């Protein structure tokens, strides 16, 4: 479950930011997670609940924005949504494409007090 290490890294990033800004409490963390980022949101939420115990983020709400994946076909330049990296272009059937959205894994915002 690599989501545990992802959760711990996010907690470290947010905790460092909170300390730098002399925050006494963090009430919310918002993440952007892309469909092909390699992270399962439900598993990350479970790992988060375990990892925030006895930290500055213990009572912080975790909100996840799921970003659908989109690709741009290298052959016909059609933009289309993908579920995984093994998708064929629905227009020309080519499997060569650039992922233009959906690999995101970032802390979008933090609400501190």
PDB file of N, CA and C in Angstrom:
ATOM      1  N   UNK A   1       0.855  -1.182   0.000  1.00  0.00           N
ATOM      2  CA  UNK A   1       0.000   0.000   0.000  1.00  0.00           C
ATOM      3  C   UNK A   1       0.894   1.236   0.000  1.00  0.00           C
ATOM      4  N   UNK A   2       1.218   1.724  -1.181  1.00  0.00           N
ATOM      5  CA  UNK A   2       2.091   2.888  -1.254  1.00  0.00           C
ATOM      6  C   UNK A   2       1.354   4.163  -0.870  1.00  0.00           C
ATOM      7  N   UNK A   3       0.039   4.108  -0.774  1.00  0.00           N
ATOM      8  CA  UNK A   3      -0.730   5.270  -0.340  1.00  0.00           C
ATOM      9  C   UNK A   3      -0.358   5.698   1.083  1.00  0.00           C
ATOM     10  N   UNK A   4       0.109   4.761   1.888  1.00  0.00           N
ATOM     11  CA  UNK A   4       0.552   5.105   3.242  1.00  0.00           C
ATOM     12  C   UNK A   4       1.740   6.053   3.178  1.00  0.00           C
ATOM     13  N   UNK A   5       2.710   5.765   2.330  1.00  0.00           N
ATOM     14  CA  UNK A   5       3.866   6.667   2.207  1.00  0.00           C
ATOM     15  C   UNK A   5       3.457   7.988   1.567  1.00  0.00           C
ATOM     16  N   UNK A   6       2.497   7.957   0.644  1.00  0.00           N
ATOM     17  CA  UNK A   6       1.986   9.201   0.057  1.00  0.00           C
ATOM     18  C   UNK A   6       1.327  10.049   1.137  1.00  0.00           C
ATOM     19  N   UNK A   7       0.494   9.434   1.972  1.00  0.00           N
ATOM     20  CA  UNK A   7      -0.164  10.160   3.068  1.00  0.00           C
ATOM     21  C   UNK A   7       0.874  10.752   4.009  1.00  0.00           C
ATOM     22  N   UNK A   8       1.885   9.975   4.362  1.00  0.00           N
ATOM     23  CA  UNK A   8       2.914  10.469   5.270  1.00  0.00           C
ATOM     24  C   UNK A   8       3.700  11.624   4.659  1.00  0.00           C
ATOM     25  N   UNK A   9       3.970  11.570   3.368  1.00  0.00           N
ATOM     26  CA  UNK A   9       4.658  12.674   2.694  1.00  0.00           C
ATOM     27  C   UNK A   9       3.802  13.932   2.675  1.00  0.00           C
ATOM     28  N   UNK A  10       2.515  13.776   2.421  1.00  0.00           N
ATOM     29  CA  UNK A  10       1.612  14.932   2.421  1.00  0.00           C
ATOM     30  C   UNK A  10       1.554  15.553   3.815  1.00  0.00           C
ATOM     31  N   UNK A  11       1.464  14.709   4.832  1.00  0.00           N
ATOM     32  CA  UNK A  11       1.430  15.200   6.215  1.00  0.00           C
ATOM     33  C   UNK A  11       2.707  15.961   6.536  1.00  0.00           C
ATOM     34  N   UNK A  12       3.841  15.461   6.083  1.00  0.00           N
ATOM     35  CA  UNK A  12       5.109  16.143   6.313  1.00  0.00           C
ATOM     36  C   UNK A  12       5.139  17.503   5.615  1.00  0.00           C
ATOM     37  N   UNK A  13       4.690  17.550   4.365  1.00  0.00           N
ATOM     38  CA  UNK A  13       4.651  18.809   3.607  1.00  0.00           C
ATOM     39  C   UNK A  13       3.754  19.831   4.302  1.00  0.00           C
ATOM     40  N   UNK A  14       2.557  19.392   4.681  1.00  0.00           N
ATOM     41  CA  UNK A  14       1.598  20.293   5.315  1.00  0.00           C
ATOM     42  C   UNK A  14       2.090  20.723   6.699  1.00  0.00           C
ATOM     43  N   UNK A  15       2.658  19.802   7.453  1.00  0.00           N
ATOM     44  CA  UNK A  15       3.168  20.139   8.790  1.00  0.00           C
ATOM     45  C   UNK A  15       4.306  21.150   8.701  1.00  0.00           C
ATOM     46  N   UNK A  16       5.214  20.964   7.754  1.00  0.00           N
ATOM     47  CA  UNK A  16       6.308  21.923   7.563  1.00  0.00           C
ATOM     48  C   UNK A  16       5.760  23.303   7.231  1.00  0.00           C
ATOM     49  N   UNK A  17       4.791  23.339   6.331  1.00  0.00           N
ATOM     50  CA  UNK A  17       4.164  24.617   5.953  1.00  0.00           C
ATOM     51  C   UNK A  17       3.507  25.269   7.176  1.00  0.00           C
ATOM     52  N   UNK A  18       2.815  24.479   7.973  1.00  0.00           N
ATOM     53  CA  UNK A  18       2.132  25.007   9.155  1.00  0.00           C
ATOM     54  C   UNK A  18       3.134  25.562  10.161  1.00  0.00           C
ATOM     55  N   UNK A  19       4.230  24.857  10.386  1.00  0.00           N
ATOM     56  CA  UNK A  19       5.258  25.344  11.317  1.00  0.00           C
ATOM     57  C   UNK A  19       5.875  26.647  10.819  1.00  0.00           C
ATOM     58  N   UNK A  20       6.178  26.708   9.529  1.00  0.00           N
ATOM     59  CA  UNK A  20       6.748  27.927   8.945  1.00  0.00           C
ATOM     60  C   UNK A  20       5.826  29.122   9.127  1.00  0.00           C
ATOM     61  N   UNK A  21       4.523  28.862   9.133  1.00  0.00           N
ATOM     62  CA  UNK A  21       3.525  29.941   9.259  1.00  0.00           C
ATOM     63  C   UNK A  21       2.936  30.031  10.663  1.00  0.00           C
ATOM     64  N   UNK A  22       3.578  29.348  11.613  1.00  0.00           N
ATOM     65  CA  UNK A  22       3.189  29.393  13.027  1.00  0.00           C
ATOM     66  C   UNK A  22       1.709  29.080  13.252  1.00  0.00           C
ATOM     67  N   UNK A  23       1.244  28.067  12.540  1.00  0.00           N
ATOM     68  CA  UNK A  23      -0.159  27.653  12.659  1.00  0.00           C
ATOM     69  C   UNK A  23      -0.350  26.800  13.903  1.00  0.00           C
ATOM     70  N   UNK A  24      -1.429  27.043  14.613  1.00  0.00           N
ATOM     71  CA  UNK A  24      -1.739  26.237  15.773  1.00  0.00           C
ATOM     72  C   UNK A  24      -2.629  25.061  15.428  1.00  0.00           C
ATOM     73  N   UNK A  25      -3.325  25.172  14.307  1.00  0.00           N
ATOM     74  CA  UNK A  25      -4.288  24.138  13.939  1.00  0.00           C
ATOM     75  C   UNK A  25      -4.477  24.152  12.426  1.00  0.00           C
ATOM     76  N   UNK A  26      -4.618  22.992  11.847  1.00  0.00           N
ATOM     77  CA  UNK A  26      -4.944  22.862  10.423  1.00  0.00           C
ATOM     78  C   UNK A  26      -6.341  22.283  10.351  1.00  0.00           C
ATOM     79  N   UNK A  27      -7.229  22.994   9.664  1.00  0.00           N
ATOM     80  CA  UNK A  27      -8.611  22.519   9.626  1.00  0.00           C
ATOM     81  C   UNK A  27      -8.964  21.782   8.336  1.00  0.00           C
ATOM     82  N   UNK A  28      -8.196  22.019   7.258  1.00  0.00           N
ATOM     83  CA  UNK A  28      -8.545  21.350   6.002  1.00  0.00           C
ATOM     84  C   UNK A  28      -7.338  21.263   5.078  1.00  0.00           C
ATOM     85  N   UNK A  29      -7.251  20.131   4.390  1.00  0.00           N
ATOM     86  CA  UNK A  29      -6.242  19.924   3.356  1.00  0.00           C
ATOM     87  C   UNK A  29      -6.987  19.456   2.109  1.00  0.00           C
ATOM     88  N   UNK A  30      -6.719  20.132   0.991  1.00  0.00           N
ATOM     89  CA  UNK A  30      -7.359  19.772  -0.275  1.00  0.00           C
ATOM     90  C   UNK A  30      -6.280  19.265  -1.232  1.00  0.00           C
ATOM     91  N   UNK A  31      -6.525  18.089  -1.798  1.00  0.00           N
ATOM     92  CA  UNK A  31      -5.594  17.478  -2.739  1.00  0.00           C
ATOM     93  C   UNK A  31      -6.212  17.392  -4.133  1.00  0.00           C
ATOM     94  N   UNK A  32      -5.371  17.496  -5.147  1.00  0.00           N
ATOM     95  CA  UNK A  32      -5.751  17.165  -6.518  1.00  0.00           C
ATOM     96  C   UNK A  32      -5.088  15.827  -6.836  1.00  0.00           C
ATOM     97  N   UNK A  33      -5.895  14.846  -7.217  1.00  0.00           N
ATOM     98  CA  UNK A  33      -5.365  13.534  -7.575  1.00  0.00           C
ATOM     99  C   UNK A  33      -5.912  13.140  -8.944  1.00  0.00           C
ATOM    100  N   UNK A  34      -5.005  12.906  -9.878  1.00  0.00           N
ATOM    101  CA  UNK A  34      -5.387  12.516 -11.226  1.00  0.00           C
ATOM    102  C   UNK A  34      -5.715  11.040 -11.336  1.00  0.00           C
ATOM    103  N   UNK A  35      -6.533  10.734 -12.316  1.00  0.00           N
ATOM    104  CA  UNK A  35      -7.004   9.354 -12.527  1.00  0.00           C
ATOM    105  C   UNK A  35      -5.875   8.376 -12.824  1.00  0.00           C
ATOM    106  N   UNK A  36      -4.779   8.856 -13.411  1.00  0.00           N
ATOM    107  CA  UNK A  36      -3.663   7.964 -13.728  1.00  0.00           C
ATOM    108  C   UNK A  36      -2.414   8.326 -12.915  1.00  0.00           C
ATOM    109  N   UNK A  37      -2.631   8.879 -11.728  1.00  0.00           N
ATOM    110  CA  UNK A  37      -1.522   9.250 -10.848  1.00  0.00           C
ATOM    111  C   UNK A  37      -0.973   8.049 -10.088  1.00  0.00           C
ATOM    112  N   UNK A  38      -1.682   6.949 -10.122  1.00  0.00           N
ATOM    113  CA  UNK A  38      -1.223   5.758  -9.423  1.00  0.00           C
ATOM    114  C   UNK A  38      -1.592   5.742  -7.953  1.00  0.00           C
ATOM    115  N   UNK A  39      -2.585   6.550  -7.579  1.00  0.00           N
ATOM    116  CA  UNK A  39      -3.034   6.626  -6.190  1.00  0.00           C
ATOM    117  C   UNK A  39      -4.527   6.330  -6.155  1.00  0.00           C
ATOM    118  N   UNK A  40      -4.929   5.455  -5.254  1.00  0.00           N
ATOM    119  CA  UNK A  40      -6.344   5.122  -5.083  1.00  0.00           C
ATOM    120  C   UNK A  40      -6.893   6.011  -3.968  1.00  0.00           C
ATOM    121  N   UNK A  41      -7.801   6.943  -4.303  1.00  0.00           N
ATOM    122  CA  UNK A  41      -8.287   7.898  -3.304  1.00  0.00           C
ATOM    123  C   UNK A  41      -8.845   7.262  -2.029  1.00  0.00           C
ATOM    124  N   UNK A  42      -9.633   6.204  -2.138  1.00  0.00           N
ATOM    125  CA  UNK A  42     -10.191   5.559  -0.933  1.00  0.00           C
ATOM    126  C   UNK A  42      -9.090   4.999  -0.035  1.00  0.00           C
ATOM    127  N   UNK A  43      -8.084   4.416  -0.644  1.00  0.00           N
ATOM    128  CA  UNK A  43      -6.971   3.867   0.123  1.00  0.00           C
ATOM    129  C   UNK A  43      -6.151   4.983   0.756  1.00  0.00           C
ATOM    130  N   UNK A  44      -5.990   6.085   0.030  1.00  0.00           N
ATOM    131  CA  UNK A  44      -5.280   7.236   0.588  1.00  0.00           C
ATOM    132  C   UNK A  44      -6.033   7.808   1.785  1.00  0.00           C
ATOM    133  N   UNK A  45      -7.355   7.889   1.694  1.00  0.00           N
ATOM    134  CA  UNK A  45      -8.149   8.385   2.822  1.00  0.00           C
ATOM    135  C   UNK A  45      -7.981   7.496   4.050  1.00  0.00           C
ATOM    136  N   UNK A  46      -7.950   6.194   3.850  1.00  0.00           N
ATOM    137  CA  UNK A  46      -7.746   5.259   4.954  1.00  0.00           C
ATOM    138  C   UNK A  46      -6.354   5.461   5.566  1.00  0.00           C
ATOM    139  N   UNK A  47      -5.339   5.565   4.719  1.00  0.00           N
ATOM    140  CA  UNK A  47      -3.972   5.770   5.191  1.00  0.00           C
ATOM    141  C   UNK A  47      -3.848   7.106   5.918  1.00  0.00           C
ATOM    142  N   UNK A  48      -4.577   8.103   5.440  1.00  0.00           N
ATOM    143  CA  UNK A  48      -4.575   9.432   6.066  1.00  0.00           C
ATOM    144  C   UNK A  48      -5.097   9.341   7.499  1.00  0.00           C
ATOM    145  N   UNK A  49      -6.221   8.665   7.670  1.00  0.00           N
ATOM    146  CA  UNK A  49      -6.829   8.542   8.999  1.00  0.00           C
ATOM    147  C   UNK A  49      -5.861   7.914  10.005  1.00  0.00           C
ATOM    148  N   UNK A  50      -5.107   6.934   9.558  1.00  0.00           N
ATOM    149  CA  UNK A  50      -4.137   6.275  10.426  1.00  0.00           C
ATOM    150  C   UNK A  50      -2.943   7.195  10.707  1.00  0.00           C
ATOM    151  N   UNK A  51      -2.483   7.900   9.686  1.00  0.00           N
ATOM    152  CA  UNK A  51      -1.243   8.662   9.771  1.00  0.00           C
ATOM    153  C   UNK A  51      -1.356   9.991  10.504  1.00  0.00           C
ATOM    154  N   UNK A  52      -2.547  10.574  10.563  1.00  0.00           N
ATOM    155  CA  UNK A  52      -2.665  11.901  11.190  1.00  0.00           C
ATOM    156  C   UNK A  52      -2.797  11.842  12.706  1.00  0.00           C
ATOM    157  N   UNK A  53      -2.967  10.662  13.264  1.00  0.00           N
ATOM    158  CA  UNK A  53      -3.119  10.553  14.722  1.00  0.00           C
ATOM    159  C   UNK A  53      -1.903  11.154  15.421  1.00  0.00           C
ATOM    160  N   UNK A  54      -2.194  11.972  16.442  1.00  0.00           N
ATOM    161  CA  UNK A  54      -1.161  12.637  17.250  1.00  0.00           C
ATOM    162  C   UNK A  54      -0.284  13.592  16.438  1.00  0.00           C
ATOM    163  N   UNK A  55      -0.851  14.184  15.391  1.00  0.00           N
ATOM    164  CA  UNK A  55      -0.140  15.204  14.618  1.00  0.00           C
ATOM    165  C   UNK A  55      -0.972  16.475  14.612  1.00  0.00           C
ATOM    166  N   UNK A  56      -0.407  17.524  14.059  1.00  0.00           N
ATOM    167  CA  UNK A  56      -1.094  18.805  13.911  1.00  0.00           C
ATOM    168  C   UNK A  56      -2.321  18.677  12.998  1.00  0.00           C
ATOM    169  N   UNK A  57      -2.371  17.617  12.219  1.00  0.00           N
ATOM    170  CA  UNK A  57      -3.454  17.422  11.254  1.00  0.00           C
ATOM    171  C   UNK A  57      -4.526  16.460  11.742  1.00  0.00           C
ATOM    172  N   UNK A  58      -4.476  16.070  12.998  1.00  0.00           N
ATOM    173  CA  UNK A  58      -5.357  15.022  13.501  1.00  0.00           C
ATOM    174  C   UNK A  58      -6.840  15.298  13.247  1.00  0.00           C
ATOM    175  N   UNK A  59      -7.267  16.537  13.367  1.00  0.00           N
ATOM    176  CA  UNK A  59      -8.681  16.857  13.163  1.00  0.00           C
ATOM    177  C   UNK A  59      -8.947  17.564  11.836  1.00  0.00           C
ATOM    178  N   UNK A  60      -7.956  17.587  10.971  1.00  0.00           N
ATOM    179  CA  UNK A  60      -8.111  18.258   9.680  1.00  0.00           C
ATOM    180  C   UNK A  60      -8.954  17.415   8.733  1.00  0.00           C
ATOM    181  N   UNK A  61      -9.837  18.076   8.020  1.00  0.00           N
ATOM    182  CA  UNK A  61     -10.626  17.404   6.992  1.00  0.00           C
ATOM    183  C   UNK A  61      -9.753  17.223   5.748  1.00  0.00           C
ATOM    184  N   UNK A  62      -9.860  16.078   5.133  1.00  0.00           N
ATOM    185  CA  UNK A  62      -9.153  15.806   3.876  1.00  0.00           C
ATOM    186  C   UNK A  62     -10.184  15.820   2.763  1.00  0.00           C
ATOM    187  N   UNK A  63      -9.951  16.673   1.788  1.00  0.00           N
ATOM    188  CA  UNK A  63     -10.830  16.720   0.616  1.00  0.00           C
ATOM    189  C   UNK A  63      -9.991  16.389  -0.607  1.00  0.00           C
ATOM    190  N   UNK A  64     -10.550  15.549  -1.460  1.00  0.00           N
ATOM    191  CA  UNK A  64      -9.837  15.117  -2.660  1.00  0.00           C
ATOM    192  C   UNK A  64     -10.618  15.524  -3.894  1.00  0.00           C
ATOM    193  N   UNK A  65      -9.951  16.273  -4.766  1.00  0.00           N
ATOM    194  CA  UNK A  65     -10.503  16.594  -6.079  1.00  0.00           C
ATOM    195  C   UNK A  65      -9.967  15.556  -7.053  1.00  0.00           C
ATOM    196  N   UNK A  66     -10.853  14.771  -7.632  1.00  0.00           N
ATOM    197  CA  UNK A  66     -10.459  13.749  -8.597  1.00  0.00           C
ATOM    198  C   UNK A  66     -10.389  14.396  -9.979  1.00  0.00           C
ATOM    199  N   UNK A  67      -9.231  14.298 -10.606  1.00  0.00           N
ATOM    200  CA  UNK A  67      -9.016  14.910 -11.918  1.00  0.00           C
ATOM    201  C   UNK A  67      -9.062  13.810 -12.983  1.00  0.00           C
ATOM    202  N   UNK A  68     -10.042  13.860 -13.886  1.00  0.00           N
ATOM    203  CA  UNK A  68     -10.094  12.836 -14.940  1.00  0.00           C
ATOM    204  C   UNK A  68      -8.878  12.949 -15.859  1.00  0.00           C
ATOM    205  N   UNK A  69      -8.496  11.832 -16.447  1.00  0.00           N
ATOM    206  CA  UNK A  69      -7.331  11.813 -17.332  1.00  0.00           C
ATOM    207  C   UNK A  69      -7.757  12.115 -18.767  1.00  0.00           C
ATOM    208  N   UNK A  70      -6.939  12.929 -19.417  1.00  0.00           N
ATOM    209  CA  UNK A  70      -7.154  13.253 -20.829  1.00  0.00           C
ATOM    210  C   UNK A  70      -5.843  13.057 -21.572  1.00  0.00           C
ATOM    211  N   UNK A  71      -5.983  12.674 -22.820  1.00  0.00           N
ATOM    212  CA  UNK A  71      -4.815  12.440 -23.663  1.00  0.00           C
ATOM    213  C   UNK A  71      -4.981  13.160 -24.991  1.00  0.00           C
ATOM    214  N   UNK A  72      -3.852  13.366 -25.653  1.00  0.00           N
ATOM    215  CA  UNK A  72      -3.830  13.962 -26.977  1.00  0.00           C
ATOM    216  C   UNK A  72      -3.128  12.976 -27.903  1.00  0.00           C
ATOM    217  N   UNK A  73      -3.866  12.487 -28.892  1.00  0.00           N
ATOM    218  CA  UNK A  73      -3.336  11.496 -29.832  1.00  0.00           C
ATOM    219  C   UNK A  73      -2.183  12.100 -30.636  1.00  0.00           C
ATOM    220  N   UNK A  74      -1.076  11.372 -30.729  1.00  0.00           N
ATOM    221  CA  UNK A  74       0.081  11.840 -31.494  1.00  0.00           C
ATOM    222  C   UNK A  74      -0.136  11.709 -33.001  1.00  0.00           C
ATOM    223  N   UNK A  75      -1.122  10.913 -33.388  1.00  0.00           N
ATOM    224  CA  UNK A  75      -1.371  10.695 -34.807  1.00  0.00           C
ATOM    225  C   UNK A  75      -2.393  11.673 -35.388  1.00  0.00           C
ATOM    226  N   UNK A  76      -3.550  11.790 -34.731  1.00  0.00           N
ATOM    227  CA  UNK A  76      -4.631  12.607 -35.304  1.00  0.00           C
ATOM    228  C   UNK A  76      -4.935  13.874 -34.498  1.00  0.00           C
ATOM    229  N   UNK A  77      -4.213  14.084 -33.394  1.00  0.00           N
ATOM    230  CA  UNK A  77      -4.384  15.258 -32.531  1.00  0.00           C
ATOM    231  C   UNK A  77      -5.737  15.349 -31.850  1.00  0.00           C
ATOM    232  N   UNK A  78      -6.440  14.242 -31.764  1.00  0.00           N
ATOM    233  CA  UNK A  78      -7.716  14.252 -31.060  1.00  0.00           C
ATOM    234  C   UNK A  78      -7.459  14.194 -29.554  1.00  0.00           C
ATOM    235  N   UNK A  79      -8.201  15.020 -28.812  1.00  0.00           N
ATOM    236  CA  UNK A  79      -8.144  14.982 -27.352  1.00  0.00           C
ATOM    237  C   UNK A  79      -9.267  14.087 -26.861  1.00  0.00           C
ATOM    238  N   UNK A  80      -8.949  13.187 -25.905  1.00  0.00           N
ATOM    239  CA  UNK A  80      -9.963  12.256 -25.421  1.00  0.00           C
ATOM    240  C   UNK A  80      -9.660  11.858 -23.985  1.00  0.00           C
ATOM    241  N   UNK A  81     -10.687  11.415 -23.269  1.00  0.00           N
ATOM    242  CA  UNK A  81     -10.516  10.939 -21.899  1.00  0.00           C
ATOM    243  C   UNK A  81     -10.014   9.509 -21.921  1.00  0.00           C
ATOM    244  N   UNK A  82      -9.186   9.180 -20.915  1.00  0.00           N
ATOM    245  CA  UNK A  82      -8.666   7.822 -20.801  1.00  0.00           C
ATOM    246  C   UNK A  82      -8.923   7.306 -19.390  1.00  0.00           C
ATOM    247  N   UNK A  83      -9.070   5.982 -19.287  1.00  0.00           N
ATOM    248  CA  UNK A  83      -9.219   5.342 -17.983  1.00  0.00           C
ATOM    249  C   UNK A  83      -7.887   4.797 -17.489  1.00  0.00           C
ATOM    250  N   UNK A  84      -7.006   4.453 -18.430  1.00  0.00           N
ATOM    251  CA  UNK A  84      -5.689   3.935 -18.081  1.00  0.00           C
ATOM    252  C   UNK A  84      -4.743   4.236 -19.245  1.00  0.00           C
ATOM    253  N   UNK A  85      -3.504   3.868 -19.081  1.00  0.00           N
ATOM    254  CA  UNK A  85      -2.504   4.206 -20.097  1.00  0.00           C
ATOM    255  C   UNK A  85      -2.509   3.255 -21.293  1.00  0.00           C
ATOM    256  N   UNK A  86      -3.419   2.300 -21.290  1.00  0.00           N
ATOM    257  CA  UNK A  86      -3.489   1.329 -22.384  1.00  0.00           C
ATOM    258  C   UNK A  86      -4.694   1.574 -23.295  1.00  0.00           C
ATOM    259  N   UNK A  87      -5.176   2.782 -23.299  1.00  0.00           N
ATOM    260  CA  UNK A  87      -6.345   3.157 -24.085  1.00  0.00           C
ATOM    261  C   UNK A  87      -5.947   3.438 -25.539  1.00  0.00           C
ATOM    262  N   UNK A  88      -6.839   3.132 -26.453  1.00  0.00           N
ATOM    263  CA  UNK A  88      -6.638   3.468 -27.862  1.00  0.00           C
ATOM    264  C   UNK A  88      -7.381   4.760 -28.182  1.00  0.00           C
ATOM    265  N   UNK A  89      -6.847   5.517 -29.106  1.00  0.00           N
ATOM    266  CA  UNK A  89      -7.541   6.720 -29.562  1.00  0.00           C
ATOM    267  C   UNK A  89      -8.889   6.309 -30.159  1.00  0.00           C
ATOM    268  N   UNK A  90      -9.986   6.898 -29.696  1.00  0.00           N
ATOM    269  CA  UNK A  90     -11.293   6.506 -30.224  1.00  0.00           C
ATOM    270  C   UNK A  90     -11.522   6.944 -31.671  1.00  0.00           C
ATOM    271  N   UNK A  91     -10.685   7.850 -32.163  1.00  0.00           N
ATOM    272  CA  UNK A  91     -10.856   8.340 -33.525  1.00  0.00           C
ATOM    273  C   UNK A  91     -10.062   7.515 -34.542  1.00  0.00           C
ATOM    274  N   UNK A  92      -8.771   7.267 -34.242  1.00  0.00           N
ATOM    275  CA  UNK A  92      -7.927   6.579 -35.236  1.00  0.00           C
ATOM    276  C   UNK A  92      -7.386   5.228 -34.758  1.00  0.00           C
ATOM    277  N   UNK A  93      -7.577   4.879 -33.474  1.00  0.00           N
ATOM    278  CA  UNK A  93      -7.126   3.596 -32.962  1.00  0.00           C
ATOM    279  C   UNK A  93      -5.656   3.547 -32.565  1.00  0.00           C
ATOM    280  N   UNK A  94      -4.959   4.674 -32.686  1.00  0.00           N
ATOM    281  CA  UNK A  94      -3.548   4.726 -32.313  1.00  0.00           C
ATOM    282  C   UNK A  94      -3.403   4.623 -30.796  1.00  0.00           C
ATOM    283  N   UNK A  95      -2.316   4.015 -30.343  1.00  0.00           N
ATOM    284  CA  UNK A  95      -2.079   3.895 -28.908  1.00  0.00           C
ATOM    285  C   UNK A  95      -1.004   4.867 -28.433  1.00  0.00           C
ATOM    286  N   UNK A  96      -0.489   5.663 -29.334  1.00  0.00           N
ATOM    287  CA  UNK A  96       0.533   6.649 -28.977  1.00  0.00           C
ATOM    288  C   UNK A  96      -0.146   7.986 -28.698  1.00  0.00           C
ATOM    289  N   UNK A  97      -0.025   8.411 -27.440  1.00  0.00           N
ATOM    290  CA  UNK A  97      -0.637   9.682 -27.051  1.00  0.00           C
ATOM    291  C   UNK A  97       0.143  10.303 -25.907  1.00  0.00           C
ATOM    292  N   UNK A  98      -0.082  11.586 -25.714  1.00  0.00           N
ATOM    293  CA  UNK A  98       0.500  12.313 -24.593  1.00  0.00           C
ATOM    294  C   UNK A  98      -0.592  12.539 -23.566  1.00  0.00           C
ATOM    295  N   UNK A  99      -0.292  12.235 -22.315  1.00  0.00           N
ATOM    296  CA  UNK A  99      -1.255  12.503 -21.250  1.00  0.00           C
ATOM    297  C   UNK A  99      -1.164  13.988 -20.919  1.00  0.00           C
ATOM    298  N   UNK A 100      -2.261  14.698 -21.075  1.00  0.00           N
ATOM    299  CA  UNK A 100      -2.268  16.142 -20.854  1.00  0.00           C
ATOM    300  C   UNK A 100      -2.973  16.531 -19.551  1.00  0.00           C
ATOM    301  N   UNK A 101      -3.606  15.578 -18.922  1.00  0.00           N
ATOM    302  CA  UNK A 101      -4.276  15.818 -17.647  1.00  0.00           C
ATOM    303  C   UNK A 101      -4.513  14.477 -16.970  1.00  0.00           C
ATOM    304  N   UNK A 102      -4.399  14.464 -15.638  1.00  0.00           N
ATOM    305  CA  UNK A 102      -4.731  13.251 -14.909  1.00  0.00           C
ATOM    306  C   UNK A 102      -3.581  12.610 -14.160  1.00  0.00           C
ATOM    307  N   UNK A 103      -2.364  13.200 -14.248  1.00  0.00           N
ATOM    308  CA  UNK A 103      -1.227  12.665 -13.508  1.00  0.00           C
ATOM    309  C   UNK A 103      -0.980  13.467 -12.220  1.00  0.00           C
ATOM    310  N   UNK A 104      -1.858  14.424 -11.937  1.00  0.00           N
ATOM    311  CA  UNK A 104      -1.665  15.306 -10.794  1.00  0.00           C
ATOM    312  C   UNK A 104      -1.682  14.551  -9.467  1.00  0.00           C
ATOM    313  N   UNK A 105      -0.834  14.968  -8.574  1.00  0.00           N
ATOM    314  CA  UNK A 105      -0.858  14.520  -7.182  1.00  0.00           C
ATOM    315  C   UNK A 105      -0.218  15.670  -6.404  1.00  0.00           C
ATOM    316  N   UNK A 106      -1.073  16.564  -5.935  1.00  0.00           N
ATOM    317  CA  UNK A 106      -0.527  17.751  -5.265  1.00  0.00           C
ATOM    318  C   UNK A 106      -1.467  18.273  -4.179  1.00  0.00           C
ATOM    319  N   UNK A 107      -0.863  18.975  -3.256  1.00  0.00           N
ATOM    320  CA  UNK A 107      -1.632  19.677  -2.233  1.00  0.00           C
ATOM    321  C   UNK A 107      -2.111  20.960  -2.892  1.00  0.00           C
ATOM    322  N   UNK A 108      -3.417  21.084  -3.037  1.00  0.00           N
ATOM    323  CA  UNK A 108      -3.984  22.255  -3.694  1.00  0.00           C
ATOM    324  C   UNK A 108      -4.137  23.412  -2.721  1.00  0.00           C
ATOM    325  N   UNK A 109      -4.622  23.116  -1.499  1.00  0.00           N
ATOM    326  CA  UNK A 109      -4.782  24.177  -0.518  1.00  0.00           C
ATOM    327  C   UNK A 109      -4.766  23.615   0.898  1.00  0.00           C
ATOM    328  N   UNK A 110      -4.428  24.515   1.811  1.00  0.00           N
ATOM    329  CA  UNK A 110      -4.380  24.190   3.236  1.00  0.00           C
ATOM    330  C   UNK A 110      -5.067  25.334   3.977  1.00  0.00           C
ATOM    331  N   UNK A 111      -5.972  24.992   4.858  1.00  0.00           N
ATOM    332  CA  UNK A 111      -6.603  26.004   5.711  1.00  0.00           C
ATOM    333  C   UNK A 111      -6.009  25.860   7.100  1.00  0.00           C
ATOM    334  N   UNK A 112      -5.302  26.922   7.533  1.00  0.00           N
ATOM    335  CA  UNK A 112      -4.664  26.899   8.837  1.00  0.00           C
ATOM    336  C   UNK A 112      -5.265  27.980   9.723  1.00  0.00           C
ATOM    337  N   UNK A 113      -5.124  27.752  11.040  1.00  0.00           N
ATOM    338  CA  UNK A 113      -5.616  28.740  12.006  1.00  0.00           C
ATOM    339  C   UNK A 113      -4.500  29.095  12.951  1.00  0.00           C
TER     340      UNK A 113
END
